[in-house]
Amino acid sequence: MKIHVNQNNIGFKSGLTSGIRSEIAHCNISKISKEFARNGINTDFKNNKVIAWCSFKSLEIIQNLNKKYRLNLALPNGIYVEDFNNLRIQDKDSPGFCNAAPSELYAGNIGNTIVPENVIFFNSFKDFQSGEKNEIWDNIDSISDKLYRDKCSATDFFLETFLHEFSHCIHLNNMTQKLGGETLVKQLKKTFSVQYLRDFHSKYGDMLKQICNYAAKNPIEAVGCDFSKRLIQSLNKNNLIPQNNFMYKSPYEPRRGLSIFKREEQMEAGLRKFWNGKF
C-alpha cells in the first residue's frame, strides 16, 4: 500500500503509549537481531529502532499465539530494511513487501543474489530522513490512522504494517504446504493475469472492500488484510498479548470438525479458498 504524507501534519496520537515509545527509543537493535537469529531469522534493520522493535513485538505475538493455542503459524525467513528503489518491485513507496518466491530481487544484481521466499523488506524511506529521524517510521502511529481513514488499511493499529507482512509469510507457508512450491508459483503467476484480476474484482471486489480497499487488490492482499485484522482484534492493546484464538471459526481454521451443513457467506468462502491457494 502507498503512503502519502503531509510532513507538517503528522505526530503521535493515541495507540502508541508513552511507555511503548520509550521502549522503542531505548531498544537495543543488536540484542533484537540476536533474538531473531535464535529463531533462524536473518535481519538487517539499518539502525532503525522503530522497525526493529515493531518487528520483534510482532515476532513475540506470533510466538505467543503458537504457544497458547497450539498453532503452527510460520515465521519469516528474514527481515531487512532497504531502499525500495533498489528492489525490482512495483510499489516503490510501499512501507513493506514480502518476497513470495526465490528471486533476484535486487536491481542491477551483479552477484545474482537470490532472495529466498518469505523474506520481509521494510522501506527505508530515505527521502523522508533528516539526520537520525525518519518522518515516516517515527510517526507510524498517526500514519496508520491516516491509512485506515483512507481505507487503505484494515485497522489503525500501529503494528498493522508489520503484522500484515508477517501474515503474508504465514499465508505463503500454508499454501506451500498445501500445494508444493512449483504449483504455488504457477498459482501466484495466475494472479498477474489481466483477465483473472478482472474476474476477481467483479466477483469479490465490492465485498472485500468491507475489509478495506487494499484487500480488493488480489487474493494475496485479501488474506493479508483480513488475517492481520483478525489477529489485531485478538490482542489486548495494553500489553499486546493475544486474548483468544482468532483462527477459530474463521476461514483459516482447518475444515476438520466443520459441519458439512454449514454455509459460509461468499466472502468467507472466498477467503478460505485464497488461504489454501485456490485462486
Protein backbone atom coordinates (compact mmCIF):
# COMPACT_ATOMS: atom_id res chain seq x y z
CA MET A 1 0.00 0.00 0.00
CA LYS A 2 1.22 3.50 -0.79
CA ILE A 3 1.91 6.18 1.81
CA HIS A 4 1.25 9.83 1.00
CA VAL A 5 2.09 12.13 3.91
CA ASN A 6 1.97 15.82 4.64
CA GLN A 7 5.13 16.09 6.71
CA ASN A 8 3.79 19.18 8.50
CA ASN A 9 0.73 17.36 9.78
CA ILE A 10 1.95 14.18 11.44
CA GLY A 11 2.55 13.35 15.07
CA PHE A 12 1.85 10.71 17.68
CA LYS A 13 -1.75 10.41 18.82
CA SER A 14 -3.44 7.52 20.63
CA GLY A 15 -2.34 3.90 20.27
CA LEU A 16 1.38 4.22 20.80
CA THR A 17 1.63 4.83 24.53
CA SER A 18 4.43 6.82 26.11
CA GLY A 19 5.71 3.55 27.58
CA ILE A 20 5.95 1.90 24.17
CA ARG A 21 7.60 4.97 22.70
CA SER A 22 10.16 4.85 25.50
CA GLU A 23 10.80 1.14 24.82
CA ILE A 24 11.39 1.90 21.15
CA ALA A 25 13.71 4.81 21.89
CA HIS A 26 15.84 2.71 24.25
CA CYS A 27 15.74 -0.64 22.46
CA ASN A 28 18.99 -2.42 21.63
CA ILE A 29 18.92 -3.37 17.96
CA SER A 30 21.86 -5.73 18.34
CA LYS A 31 20.03 -7.72 21.03
CA ILE A 32 16.87 -7.79 18.94
CA SER A 33 18.80 -9.14 15.95
CA LYS A 34 20.30 -11.85 18.15
CA GLU A 35 16.82 -12.89 19.29
CA PHE A 36 15.74 -13.19 15.68
CA ALA A 37 18.89 -15.18 14.90
CA ARG A 38 17.97 -17.65 17.66
CA ASN A 39 14.82 -18.32 15.66
CA GLY A 40 16.79 -18.78 12.44
CA ILE A 41 15.81 -15.37 11.06
CA ASN A 42 18.46 -13.13 9.50
CA THR A 43 17.94 -9.40 9.91
CA ASP A 44 19.41 -6.04 8.99
CA PHE A 45 17.43 -3.18 10.47
CA LYS A 46 19.79 -0.45 9.23
CA ASN A 47 19.75 1.06 12.74
CA ASN A 48 16.00 1.80 12.53
CA LYS A 49 14.70 1.33 16.07
CA VAL A 50 11.02 1.60 15.14
CA ILE A 51 11.24 -1.20 12.58
CA ALA A 52 13.43 -3.35 14.83
CA TRP A 53 11.17 -3.03 17.89
CA CYS A 54 7.89 -3.43 15.97
CA SER A 55 9.26 -6.47 14.12
CA PHE A 56 10.35 -8.04 17.38
CA LYS A 57 6.98 -7.34 19.01
CA SER A 58 5.26 -8.95 16.00
CA LEU A 59 7.51 -11.99 16.43
CA GLU A 60 6.52 -12.23 20.11
CA ILE A 61 2.82 -12.01 19.22
CA ILE A 62 3.08 -14.87 16.70
CA GLN A 63 5.09 -16.97 19.14
CA ASN A 64 2.52 -16.34 21.88
CA LEU A 65 -0.30 -17.43 19.57
CA ASN A 66 1.57 -20.60 18.62
CA LYS A 67 2.31 -21.50 22.21
CA LYS A 68 -1.02 -20.53 23.79
CA TYR A 69 -3.31 -22.05 21.15
CA ARG A 70 -1.05 -24.76 19.71
CA LEU A 71 -0.96 -23.11 16.32
CA ASN A 72 1.77 -23.50 13.76
CA LEU A 73 1.98 -20.02 12.28
CA ALA A 74 5.14 -19.65 10.22
CA LEU A 75 7.81 -17.03 10.81
CA PRO A 76 9.64 -15.08 8.09
CA ASN A 77 12.97 -16.31 6.77
CA GLY A 78 14.48 -12.85 7.05
CA ILE A 79 13.68 -9.19 7.72
CA TYR A 80 15.59 -6.35 6.07
CA VAL A 81 15.34 -2.59 5.78
CA GLU A 82 16.08 -1.46 2.23
CA ASP A 83 15.67 1.48 -0.10
CA PHE A 84 12.86 0.17 -2.30
CA ASN A 85 14.36 1.97 -5.28
CA ASN A 86 16.98 -0.81 -5.18
CA LEU A 87 14.37 -3.58 -5.49
CA ARG A 88 12.54 -4.95 -8.52
CA ILE A 89 9.07 -4.24 -7.15
CA GLN A 90 6.24 -2.07 -8.46
CA ASP A 91 5.24 -0.17 -5.32
CA LYS A 92 8.41 1.77 -4.56
CA ASP A 93 6.62 3.83 -1.90
CA SER A 94 5.06 0.87 -0.09
CA PRO A 95 6.08 0.53 3.59
CA GLY A 96 6.58 -3.24 3.39
CA PHE A 97 6.98 -6.13 0.97
CA CYS A 98 7.10 -9.92 1.38
CA ASN A 99 9.00 -11.96 -1.20
CA ALA A 100 6.70 -14.78 -2.31
CA ALA A 101 9.23 -16.95 -4.16
CA PRO A 102 13.04 -17.19 -4.56
CA SER A 103 14.07 -14.43 -6.97
CA GLU A 104 16.79 -11.99 -7.99
CA LEU A 105 15.09 -9.15 -6.20
CA TYR A 106 17.86 -6.56 -6.24
CA ALA A 107 18.01 -4.29 -9.28
CA GLY A 108 21.34 -4.41 -11.11
CA ASN A 109 22.11 -7.63 -9.27
CA ILE A 110 25.78 -8.10 -10.13
CA GLY A 111 26.22 -11.11 -7.88
CA ASN A 112 22.93 -12.68 -8.95
CA THR A 113 21.87 -12.87 -5.32
CA ILE A 114 18.75 -14.99 -4.87
CA VAL A 115 16.45 -13.77 -2.13
CA PRO A 116 14.56 -16.71 -0.56
CA GLU A 117 10.81 -16.86 -0.20
CA ASN A 118 9.10 -15.44 2.89
CA VAL A 119 11.63 -12.64 3.36
CA ILE A 120 10.18 -9.33 4.52
CA PHE A 121 11.55 -5.97 3.44
CA PHE A 122 10.62 -2.68 5.06
CA ASN A 123 11.15 0.56 3.16
CA SER A 124 13.91 2.79 4.50
CA PHE A 125 12.12 5.85 3.07
CA LYS A 126 15.43 7.62 2.62
CA ASP A 127 13.72 10.64 1.09
CA PHE A 128 11.97 11.20 4.42
CA GLN A 129 15.13 11.07 6.53
CA SER A 130 16.63 14.06 8.30
CA GLY A 131 19.67 13.24 10.41
CA GLU A 132 18.74 10.36 12.70
CA LYS A 133 15.00 10.93 12.23
CA ASN A 134 12.71 9.33 9.68
CA GLU A 135 9.43 11.20 9.16
CA ILE A 136 7.61 8.03 8.12
CA TRP A 137 8.62 5.42 10.68
CA ASP A 138 8.95 7.86 13.59
CA ASN A 139 5.29 8.73 13.06
CA ILE A 140 3.98 5.26 12.30
CA ASP A 141 1.04 5.63 14.68
CA SER A 142 -0.53 8.68 13.04
CA ILE A 143 0.30 7.34 9.58
CA SER A 144 -1.54 4.12 10.49
CA ASP A 145 -4.50 6.29 11.46
CA LYS A 146 -4.35 8.03 8.08
CA LEU A 147 -4.13 4.78 6.10
CA TYR A 148 -7.19 3.49 7.96
CA ARG A 149 -9.15 6.69 7.36
CA ASP A 150 -8.29 6.46 3.66
CA LYS A 151 -9.49 2.81 3.65
CA CYS A 152 -6.03 1.66 2.57
CA SER A 153 -5.61 -0.45 5.70
CA ALA A 154 -7.83 -2.84 7.66
CA THR A 155 -7.06 -1.28 11.08
CA ASP A 156 -5.50 1.87 12.51
CA PHE A 157 -3.23 -0.13 14.83
CA PHE A 158 0.41 1.00 14.76
CA LEU A 159 1.62 -2.58 14.21
CA GLU A 160 -0.68 -3.08 11.20
CA THR A 161 2.10 -2.80 8.60
CA PHE A 162 4.27 -5.32 10.44
CA LEU A 163 1.59 -7.89 11.23
CA HIS A 164 0.30 -7.56 7.66
CA GLU A 165 3.69 -8.65 6.28
CA PHE A 166 4.01 -11.41 8.88
CA SER A 167 0.54 -12.56 7.75
CA HIS A 168 1.81 -12.87 4.20
CA CYS A 169 4.56 -15.21 5.42
CA ILE A 170 2.02 -17.30 7.31
CA HIS A 171 -0.25 -17.44 4.27
CA LEU A 172 2.56 -18.34 1.85
CA ASN A 173 3.75 -21.12 4.13
CA ASN A 174 0.24 -22.55 4.37
CA MET A 175 -0.13 -22.54 0.58
CA THR A 176 3.30 -24.14 0.13
CA GLN A 177 2.33 -26.98 2.46
CA LYS A 178 -0.98 -27.47 0.65
CA LEU A 179 0.25 -27.15 -2.95
CA GLY A 180 4.00 -27.54 -3.05
CA GLY A 181 6.39 -24.86 -4.25
CA GLU A 182 6.09 -25.34 -8.02
CA THR A 183 2.29 -25.34 -8.05
CA LEU A 184 2.22 -22.30 -5.78
CA VAL A 185 4.43 -20.33 -8.15
CA LYS A 186 2.05 -21.16 -11.01
CA GLN A 187 -0.91 -20.04 -8.94
CA LEU A 188 0.81 -16.79 -7.98
CA LYS A 189 1.60 -16.06 -11.64
CA LYS A 190 -2.07 -16.57 -12.39
CA THR A 191 -2.94 -13.56 -10.24
CA PHE A 192 -0.98 -11.29 -12.63
CA SER A 193 -3.35 -12.13 -15.48
CA VAL A 194 -5.47 -9.17 -16.56
CA GLN A 195 -8.45 -11.44 -17.19
CA TYR A 196 -8.10 -13.16 -13.81
CA LEU A 197 -7.97 -9.85 -11.94
CA ARG A 198 -10.95 -8.57 -13.90
CA ASP A 199 -12.98 -11.64 -12.87
CA PHE A 200 -11.67 -11.43 -9.30
CA HIS A 201 -12.68 -7.79 -8.92
CA SER A 202 -16.08 -8.46 -10.46
CA LYS A 203 -16.85 -11.35 -8.08
CA TYR A 204 -15.19 -10.22 -4.84
CA GLY A 205 -14.21 -6.55 -5.18
CA ASP A 206 -17.19 -4.89 -3.50
CA MET A 207 -17.31 -7.48 -0.72
CA LEU A 208 -13.60 -7.31 0.07
CA LYS A 209 -13.79 -3.53 0.33
CA GLN A 210 -15.74 -4.17 3.54
CA ILE A 211 -12.31 -5.11 4.96
CA CYS A 212 -10.51 -2.23 3.23
CA ASN A 213 -9.93 -1.10 -0.35
CA TYR A 214 -6.48 -2.69 -0.41
CA ALA A 215 -7.99 -6.12 0.31
CA ALA A 216 -9.69 -5.96 -3.10
CA LYS A 217 -6.35 -5.74 -4.94
CA ASN A 218 -5.79 -9.50 -5.33
CA PRO A 219 -6.25 -12.78 -3.37
CA ILE A 220 -2.93 -12.41 -1.53
CA GLU A 221 -3.77 -8.95 -0.21
CA ALA A 222 -7.31 -10.07 0.61
CA VAL A 223 -5.95 -12.66 3.03
CA GLY A 224 -3.16 -10.38 4.27
CA CYS A 225 -5.59 -7.62 5.22
CA ASP A 226 -8.25 -9.88 6.72
CA PHE A 227 -5.83 -12.17 8.57
CA SER A 228 -3.93 -9.28 10.18
CA LYS A 229 -7.20 -7.57 11.10
CA ARG A 230 -8.49 -10.65 12.93
CA LEU A 231 -5.12 -11.12 14.61
CA ILE A 232 -5.02 -7.50 15.79
CA GLN A 233 -8.58 -7.68 17.08
CA SER A 234 -7.50 -10.59 19.28
CA LEU A 235 -4.84 -8.51 21.07
CA ASN A 236 -5.04 -6.82 24.43
CA LYS A 237 -3.98 -3.33 23.34
CA ASN A 238 -2.37 -2.60 26.72
CA ASN A 239 0.10 -5.49 26.80
CA LEU A 240 -0.14 -6.71 23.16
CA ILE A 241 -0.86 -10.28 24.30
CA PRO A 242 -3.40 -12.37 22.31
CA GLN A 243 -6.64 -12.89 24.22
CA ASN A 244 -8.24 -15.54 22.00
CA ASN A 245 -7.61 -17.91 19.12
CA PHE A 246 -8.69 -15.65 16.25
CA MET A 247 -8.46 -18.55 13.79
CA TYR A 248 -11.31 -20.43 15.49
CA LYS A 249 -14.44 -20.37 13.32
CA SER A 250 -12.61 -18.29 10.72
CA PRO A 251 -11.78 -19.02 7.06
CA TYR A 252 -8.31 -20.01 8.26
CA GLU A 253 -9.36 -22.82 10.56
CA PRO A 254 -8.82 -26.36 9.22
CA ARG A 255 -12.03 -27.84 7.88
CA ARG A 256 -11.95 -30.87 10.18
CA GLY A 257 -14.84 -30.68 12.61
CA LEU A 258 -16.68 -28.14 10.44
CA SER A 259 -20.24 -29.24 9.81
CA ILE A 260 -20.89 -30.16 6.19
CA PHE A 261 -24.23 -28.37 6.58
CA LYS A 262 -22.64 -25.04 7.46
CA ARG A 263 -22.99 -22.50 4.67
CA GLU A 264 -20.38 -19.76 4.51
CA GLU A 265 -21.02 -16.33 3.11
CA GLN A 266 -19.43 -15.71 -0.27
CA MET A 267 -16.62 -13.57 1.12
CA GLU A 268 -15.80 -16.07 3.88
CA ALA A 269 -15.80 -18.91 1.36
CA GLY A 270 -13.58 -16.87 -0.96
CA LEU A 271 -11.09 -16.10 1.78
CA ARG A 272 -10.92 -19.80 2.66
CA LYS A 273 -10.17 -20.63 -0.97
CA PHE A 274 -7.49 -17.93 -1.20
CA TRP A 275 -5.96 -19.09 2.09
CA ASN A 276 -5.47 -22.54 0.57
CA GLY A 277 -4.10 -21.22 -2.73
CA LYS A 278 -7.23 -21.85 -4.78
CA PHE A 279 -7.24 -18.76 -6.91
